[in-house]
Amino acid sequence: MIFTEGENMVISINDASEIPIYQQIRNQIVLGISNGRLAPGEQLPTVRALAEEIGINSMTVSKAYTLLKQEGYIYTDRRSGARVRQEFETNKELSEKSQELLRQIISEAKVSGMTQTEFFDLCKHIYKG
């Protein structure tokens, strides 16, 4: 399922994924911010509009937006709704949760036989977008 096309951000939901829908929305918005598809200050769809577009409960979208707000990716204003933050805190550290996820990914890479060089090359490729 997708919302918005053309120049705007596209969110695709995988109903078969083990990742909860609110987390998929959160992840794709963070990806959109990091790759420039969502600009600083850009307004996000309302909770209700995004829920209707995707065909899910509005509480699911609300949960994703709340998480994004807590993590500092978006802010909300009663008049203008949810927007991408203009500036982000640049402490150059990953959250504890992200570090744990990275440990898991590195472990899977090691088990699959990937060398450190191959892993770093893949990371560089993904980081560049």
N, C-alpha and C. Protein backbone atom coordinates (compact mmCIF):
# COMPACT_ATOMS: atom_id res chain seq x y z
N MET A 1 0.84 -1.18 0.00
CA MET A 1 0.00 0.00 0.00
C MET A 1 0.88 1.24 0.00
N ILE A 2 0.44 2.28 -0.69
CA ILE A 2 1.27 3.46 -0.88
C ILE A 2 0.48 4.73 -0.60
N PHE A 3 1.10 5.76 -0.06
CA PHE A 3 0.46 7.06 -0.02
C PHE A 3 1.31 8.05 -0.79
N THR A 4 0.68 8.90 -1.52
CA THR A 4 1.26 9.99 -2.28
C THR A 4 2.27 9.53 -3.31
N GLU A 5 2.21 10.15 -4.47
CA GLU A 5 3.14 9.80 -5.55
C GLU A 5 3.75 11.06 -6.12
N GLY A 6 4.48 10.91 -7.21
CA GLY A 6 5.12 12.06 -7.84
C GLY A 6 6.33 12.48 -7.03
N GLU A 7 6.41 13.78 -6.73
CA GLU A 7 7.55 14.34 -6.00
C GLU A 7 7.50 14.03 -4.51
N ASN A 8 6.36 13.63 -4.02
CA ASN A 8 6.18 13.46 -2.59
C ASN A 8 6.61 12.09 -2.10
N MET A 9 6.72 12.00 -0.81
CA MET A 9 7.11 10.77 -0.13
C MET A 9 6.12 9.64 -0.44
N VAL A 10 6.66 8.45 -0.60
CA VAL A 10 5.83 7.28 -0.83
C VAL A 10 6.07 6.31 0.33
N ILE A 11 4.98 5.86 0.92
CA ILE A 11 5.09 4.86 1.98
C ILE A 11 4.44 3.59 1.49
N SER A 12 5.17 2.51 1.61
CA SER A 12 4.68 1.21 1.19
C SER A 12 4.61 0.32 2.42
N ILE A 13 3.44 -0.26 2.65
CA ILE A 13 3.23 -1.12 3.80
C ILE A 13 3.21 -2.58 3.34
N ASN A 14 3.97 -3.41 4.03
CA ASN A 14 4.00 -4.84 3.74
C ASN A 14 3.18 -5.54 4.82
N ASP A 15 1.96 -5.94 4.45
CA ASP A 15 1.07 -6.60 5.40
C ASP A 15 1.62 -7.95 5.88
N ALA A 16 2.47 -8.57 5.09
CA ALA A 16 3.01 -9.88 5.45
C ALA A 16 4.25 -9.79 6.35
N SER A 17 4.76 -8.58 6.54
CA SER A 17 5.97 -8.39 7.33
C SER A 17 5.73 -8.65 8.81
N GLU A 18 6.76 -9.10 9.50
CA GLU A 18 6.70 -9.27 10.94
C GLU A 18 6.86 -7.93 11.66
N ILE A 19 7.31 -6.92 10.93
CA ILE A 19 7.50 -5.59 11.50
C ILE A 19 6.13 -4.93 11.62
N PRO A 20 5.78 -4.44 12.82
CA PRO A 20 4.47 -3.81 12.99
C PRO A 20 4.29 -2.62 12.02
N ILE A 21 3.06 -2.38 11.62
CA ILE A 21 2.77 -1.33 10.63
C ILE A 21 3.23 0.03 11.12
N TYR A 22 3.01 0.34 12.41
CA TYR A 22 3.45 1.65 12.91
C TYR A 22 4.96 1.80 12.77
N GLN A 23 5.71 0.71 12.97
CA GLN A 23 7.16 0.74 12.84
C GLN A 23 7.57 0.89 11.38
N GLN A 24 6.84 0.26 10.46
CA GLN A 24 7.12 0.41 9.03
C GLN A 24 6.93 1.88 8.62
N ILE A 25 5.86 2.49 9.11
CA ILE A 25 5.62 3.91 8.79
C ILE A 25 6.75 4.76 9.35
N ARG A 26 7.11 4.53 10.60
CA ARG A 26 8.20 5.27 11.23
C ARG A 26 9.50 5.11 10.43
N ASN A 27 9.84 3.87 10.10
CA ASN A 27 11.08 3.60 9.38
C ASN A 27 11.11 4.29 8.03
N GLN A 28 10.00 4.27 7.32
CA GLN A 28 9.99 4.87 5.98
C GLN A 28 10.01 6.40 6.04
N ILE A 29 9.44 6.98 7.07
CA ILE A 29 9.54 8.43 7.22
C ILE A 29 10.97 8.83 7.55
N VAL A 30 11.63 8.09 8.43
CA VAL A 30 13.04 8.36 8.74
C VAL A 30 13.89 8.21 7.48
N LEU A 31 13.63 7.17 6.69
CA LEU A 31 14.35 6.98 5.43
C LEU A 31 14.10 8.16 4.49
N GLY A 32 12.86 8.61 4.41
CA GLY A 32 12.52 9.75 3.57
C GLY A 32 13.24 11.03 3.99
N ILE A 33 13.40 11.21 5.30
CA ILE A 33 14.14 12.37 5.80
C ILE A 33 15.62 12.24 5.44
N SER A 34 16.18 11.05 5.64
CA SER A 34 17.62 10.87 5.41
C SER A 34 17.99 10.96 3.94
N ASN A 35 17.09 10.55 3.03
CA ASN A 35 17.44 10.62 1.60
C ASN A 35 16.92 11.87 0.91
N GLY A 36 16.32 12.78 1.69
CA GLY A 36 15.90 14.06 1.13
C GLY A 36 14.52 14.08 0.49
N ARG A 37 13.82 12.96 0.49
CA ARG A 37 12.45 12.96 -0.07
C ARG A 37 11.49 13.74 0.81
N LEU A 38 11.82 13.84 2.09
CA LEU A 38 11.06 14.68 3.01
C LEU A 38 11.98 15.81 3.46
N ALA A 39 11.61 17.02 3.12
CA ALA A 39 12.44 18.19 3.41
C ALA A 39 12.18 18.72 4.81
N PRO A 40 13.17 19.40 5.39
CA PRO A 40 12.95 20.03 6.68
C PRO A 40 11.75 20.98 6.61
N GLY A 41 10.89 20.88 7.59
CA GLY A 41 9.70 21.73 7.63
C GLY A 41 8.53 21.21 6.82
N GLU A 42 8.74 20.16 6.05
CA GLU A 42 7.66 19.64 5.21
C GLU A 42 6.53 19.08 6.07
N GLN A 43 5.32 19.38 5.66
CA GLN A 43 4.15 18.90 6.39
C GLN A 43 3.85 17.47 6.01
N LEU A 44 3.59 16.66 7.01
CA LEU A 44 3.19 15.27 6.80
C LEU A 44 1.68 15.22 6.70
N PRO A 45 1.15 14.17 6.09
CA PRO A 45 -0.31 14.04 6.04
C PRO A 45 -0.87 13.96 7.46
N THR A 46 -2.11 14.37 7.63
CA THR A 46 -2.73 14.23 8.94
C THR A 46 -2.83 12.74 9.27
N VAL A 47 -2.99 12.46 10.54
CA VAL A 47 -3.14 11.07 10.98
C VAL A 47 -4.30 10.42 10.23
N ARG A 48 -5.42 11.12 10.20
CA ARG A 48 -6.62 10.58 9.56
C ARG A 48 -6.39 10.37 8.05
N ALA A 49 -5.78 11.35 7.37
CA ALA A 49 -5.57 11.25 5.92
C ALA A 49 -4.64 10.08 5.58
N LEU A 50 -3.55 9.94 6.33
CA LEU A 50 -2.62 8.84 6.06
C LEU A 50 -3.27 7.49 6.35
N ALA A 51 -4.02 7.41 7.43
CA ALA A 51 -4.70 6.15 7.77
C ALA A 51 -5.68 5.77 6.68
N GLU A 52 -6.44 6.74 6.18
CA GLU A 52 -7.41 6.44 5.11
C GLU A 52 -6.70 6.03 3.83
N GLU A 53 -5.60 6.71 3.50
CA GLU A 53 -4.86 6.41 2.27
C GLU A 53 -4.30 4.99 2.31
N ILE A 54 -3.76 4.61 3.46
CA ILE A 54 -3.16 3.28 3.60
C ILE A 54 -4.22 2.22 3.88
N GLY A 55 -5.33 2.64 4.47
CA GLY A 55 -6.38 1.69 4.80
C GLY A 55 -6.15 1.01 6.13
N ILE A 56 -5.65 1.78 7.10
CA ILE A 56 -5.39 1.23 8.43
C ILE A 56 -6.08 2.10 9.49
N ASN A 57 -6.04 1.64 10.72
CA ASN A 57 -6.62 2.37 11.83
C ASN A 57 -5.80 3.62 12.11
N SER A 58 -6.46 4.71 12.40
CA SER A 58 -5.76 5.97 12.66
C SER A 58 -4.88 5.89 13.90
N MET A 59 -5.20 5.01 14.84
CA MET A 59 -4.37 4.85 16.03
C MET A 59 -2.98 4.31 15.68
N THR A 60 -2.90 3.53 14.61
CA THR A 60 -1.61 3.00 14.16
C THR A 60 -0.72 4.13 13.66
N VAL A 61 -1.30 5.02 12.86
CA VAL A 61 -0.54 6.18 12.36
C VAL A 61 -0.17 7.10 13.52
N SER A 62 -1.11 7.29 14.43
CA SER A 62 -0.85 8.13 15.60
C SER A 62 0.33 7.57 16.41
N LYS A 63 0.39 6.27 16.55
CA LYS A 63 1.50 5.64 17.28
C LYS A 63 2.84 5.89 16.57
N ALA A 64 2.83 5.81 15.24
CA ALA A 64 4.05 6.08 14.47
C ALA A 64 4.48 7.54 14.64
N TYR A 65 3.54 8.47 14.54
CA TYR A 65 3.84 9.89 14.68
C TYR A 65 4.34 10.20 16.10
N THR A 66 3.73 9.57 17.11
CA THR A 66 4.16 9.78 18.49
C THR A 66 5.60 9.32 18.66
N LEU A 67 5.93 8.17 18.10
CA LEU A 67 7.29 7.65 18.17
C LEU A 67 8.27 8.58 17.46
N LEU A 68 7.91 9.05 16.28
CA LEU A 68 8.76 9.98 15.53
C LEU A 68 8.97 11.28 16.30
N LYS A 69 7.94 11.75 16.97
CA LYS A 69 8.04 12.97 17.77
C LYS A 69 8.97 12.74 18.96
N GLN A 70 8.80 11.60 19.66
CA GLN A 70 9.65 11.28 20.81
C GLN A 70 11.12 11.16 20.41
N GLU A 71 11.35 10.65 19.20
CA GLU A 71 12.72 10.46 18.72
C GLU A 71 13.31 11.74 18.12
N GLY A 72 12.50 12.78 17.99
CA GLY A 72 13.00 14.06 17.51
C GLY A 72 13.01 14.25 16.00
N TYR A 73 12.31 13.41 15.26
CA TYR A 73 12.28 13.53 13.80
C TYR A 73 11.21 14.50 13.32
N ILE A 74 10.13 14.60 14.06
CA ILE A 74 9.04 15.50 13.67
C ILE A 74 8.60 16.31 14.88
N TYR A 75 7.84 17.35 14.62
CA TYR A 75 7.19 18.10 15.68
C TYR A 75 5.74 18.32 15.26
N THR A 76 4.90 18.58 16.22
CA THR A 76 3.50 18.80 15.90
C THR A 76 3.08 20.18 16.39
N ASP A 77 2.15 20.75 15.66
CA ASP A 77 1.59 22.06 15.96
C ASP A 77 0.09 21.95 15.73
N ARG A 78 -0.70 22.45 16.64
CA ARG A 78 -2.15 22.33 16.50
C ARG A 78 -2.67 22.96 15.21
N ARG A 79 -2.02 24.00 14.75
CA ARG A 79 -2.49 24.68 13.53
C ARG A 79 -2.01 24.00 12.27
N SER A 80 -0.75 23.55 12.25
CA SER A 80 -0.20 23.02 10.99
C SER A 80 0.03 21.52 10.99
N GLY A 81 -0.26 20.84 12.09
CA GLY A 81 -0.11 19.40 12.13
C GLY A 81 1.33 18.95 12.31
N ALA A 82 1.64 17.78 11.78
CA ALA A 82 2.97 17.19 11.93
C ALA A 82 3.88 17.66 10.80
N ARG A 83 5.08 18.06 11.18
CA ARG A 83 6.08 18.51 10.21
C ARG A 83 7.44 17.91 10.53
N VAL A 84 8.26 17.77 9.49
CA VAL A 84 9.64 17.32 9.67
C VAL A 84 10.40 18.44 10.38
N ARG A 85 11.21 18.09 11.35
CA ARG A 85 11.99 19.10 12.07
C ARG A 85 12.90 19.85 11.12
N GLN A 86 13.12 21.11 11.43
CA GLN A 86 14.03 21.94 10.61
C GLN A 86 15.48 21.52 10.83
N GLU A 87 15.81 21.22 12.08
CA GLU A 87 17.18 20.83 12.43
C GLU A 87 17.12 19.62 13.35
N PHE A 88 18.16 18.81 13.28
CA PHE A 88 18.22 17.62 14.10
C PHE A 88 19.41 17.70 15.04
N GLU A 89 19.24 17.11 16.21
CA GLU A 89 20.33 17.03 17.16
C GLU A 89 21.41 16.14 16.56
N THR A 90 22.60 16.64 16.46
CA THR A 90 23.68 15.86 15.85
C THR A 90 24.70 15.45 16.92
N ASN A 91 24.32 14.46 17.70
CA ASN A 91 25.23 13.97 18.73
C ASN A 91 26.13 12.86 18.21
N LYS A 92 25.96 12.51 16.94
CA LYS A 92 26.79 11.51 16.25
C LYS A 92 26.83 10.18 16.98
N GLU A 93 25.71 9.84 17.61
CA GLU A 93 25.59 8.55 18.28
C GLU A 93 24.28 7.89 17.88
N LEU A 94 24.29 6.57 17.86
CA LEU A 94 23.07 5.82 17.64
C LEU A 94 22.41 5.53 18.98
N SER A 95 21.11 5.45 18.98
CA SER A 95 20.40 5.09 20.20
C SER A 95 20.80 3.67 20.61
N GLU A 96 20.52 3.35 21.85
CA GLU A 96 20.81 2.01 22.34
C GLU A 96 20.06 0.96 21.52
N LYS A 97 18.83 1.26 21.19
CA LYS A 97 18.00 0.35 20.38
C LYS A 97 18.64 0.14 19.00
N SER A 98 19.12 1.22 18.39
CA SER A 98 19.74 1.11 17.07
C SER A 98 21.06 0.34 17.14
N GLN A 99 21.81 0.55 18.23
CA GLN A 99 23.07 -0.18 18.40
C GLN A 99 22.80 -1.68 18.53
N GLU A 100 21.75 -2.03 19.23
CA GLU A 100 21.40 -3.45 19.39
C GLU A 100 21.01 -4.05 18.04
N LEU A 101 20.24 -3.28 17.26
CA LEU A 101 19.86 -3.73 15.92
C LEU A 101 21.09 -3.91 15.04
N LEU A 102 22.03 -2.98 15.14
CA LEU A 102 23.26 -3.08 14.36
C LEU A 102 24.07 -4.31 14.77
N ARG A 103 24.12 -4.59 16.07
CA ARG A 103 24.81 -5.81 16.53
C ARG A 103 24.19 -7.06 15.90
N GLN A 104 22.87 -7.08 15.84
CA GLN A 104 22.17 -8.22 15.24
C GLN A 104 22.51 -8.34 13.76
N ILE A 105 22.52 -7.22 13.05
CA ILE A 105 22.84 -7.24 11.62
C ILE A 105 24.27 -7.70 11.39
N ILE A 106 25.20 -7.22 12.20
CA ILE A 106 26.60 -7.62 12.07
C ILE A 106 26.74 -9.12 12.35
N SER A 107 26.03 -9.61 13.36
CA SER A 107 26.07 -11.04 13.68
C SER A 107 25.58 -11.88 12.51
N GLU A 108 24.48 -11.44 11.89
CA GLU A 108 23.94 -12.16 10.73
C GLU A 108 24.93 -12.13 9.57
N ALA A 109 25.60 -10.99 9.37
CA ALA A 109 26.59 -10.89 8.30
C ALA A 109 27.76 -11.85 8.55
N LYS A 110 28.22 -11.92 9.79
CA LYS A 110 29.32 -12.83 10.13
C LYS A 110 28.92 -14.29 9.89
N VAL A 111 27.74 -14.65 10.37
CA VAL A 111 27.27 -16.03 10.22
C VAL A 111 27.12 -16.40 8.75
N SER A 112 26.73 -15.44 7.92
CA SER A 112 26.54 -15.72 6.49
C SER A 112 27.86 -15.77 5.73
N GLY A 113 28.97 -15.49 6.43
CA GLY A 113 30.28 -15.59 5.79
C GLY A 113 30.79 -14.28 5.20
N MET A 114 30.10 -13.20 5.44
CA MET A 114 30.52 -11.90 4.90
C MET A 114 31.75 -11.41 5.65
N THR A 115 32.75 -10.94 4.90
CA THR A 115 33.95 -10.40 5.53
C THR A 115 33.66 -8.98 6.02
N GLN A 116 34.55 -8.48 6.88
CA GLN A 116 34.40 -7.12 7.39
C GLN A 116 34.45 -6.11 6.23
N THR A 117 35.34 -6.34 5.29
CA THR A 117 35.46 -5.45 4.14
C THR A 117 34.17 -5.45 3.31
N GLU A 118 33.63 -6.64 3.07
CA GLU A 118 32.37 -6.74 2.31
C GLU A 118 31.24 -6.04 3.05
N PHE A 119 31.22 -6.21 4.38
CA PHE A 119 30.19 -5.56 5.18
C PHE A 119 30.32 -4.04 5.11
N PHE A 120 31.53 -3.53 5.27
CA PHE A 120 31.75 -2.08 5.21
C PHE A 120 31.42 -1.53 3.82
N ASP A 121 31.77 -2.29 2.79
CA ASP A 121 31.42 -1.85 1.42
C ASP A 121 29.91 -1.75 1.25
N LEU A 122 29.19 -2.73 1.77
CA LEU A 122 27.73 -2.70 1.71
C LEU A 122 27.18 -1.51 2.49
N CYS A 123 27.75 -1.26 3.68
CA CYS A 123 27.33 -0.12 4.50
C CYS A 123 27.57 1.20 3.75
N LYS A 124 28.73 1.33 3.12
CA LYS A 124 29.03 2.56 2.35
C LYS A 124 28.03 2.74 1.21
N HIS A 125 27.71 1.66 0.53
CA HIS A 125 26.75 1.72 -0.57
C HIS A 125 25.38 2.18 -0.08
N ILE A 126 24.93 1.58 1.00
CA ILE A 126 23.61 1.93 1.55
C ILE A 126 23.62 3.34 2.11
N TYR A 127 24.71 3.74 2.77
CA TYR A 127 24.80 5.08 3.37
C TYR A 127 24.72 6.17 2.30
N LYS A 128 25.35 5.92 1.15
CA LYS A 128 25.33 6.90 0.06
C LYS A 128 23.96 6.99 -0.61
N GLY A 129 23.15 5.97 -0.43
CA GLY A 129 21.79 5.98 -0.97
C GLY A 129 21.78 5.44 -2.33
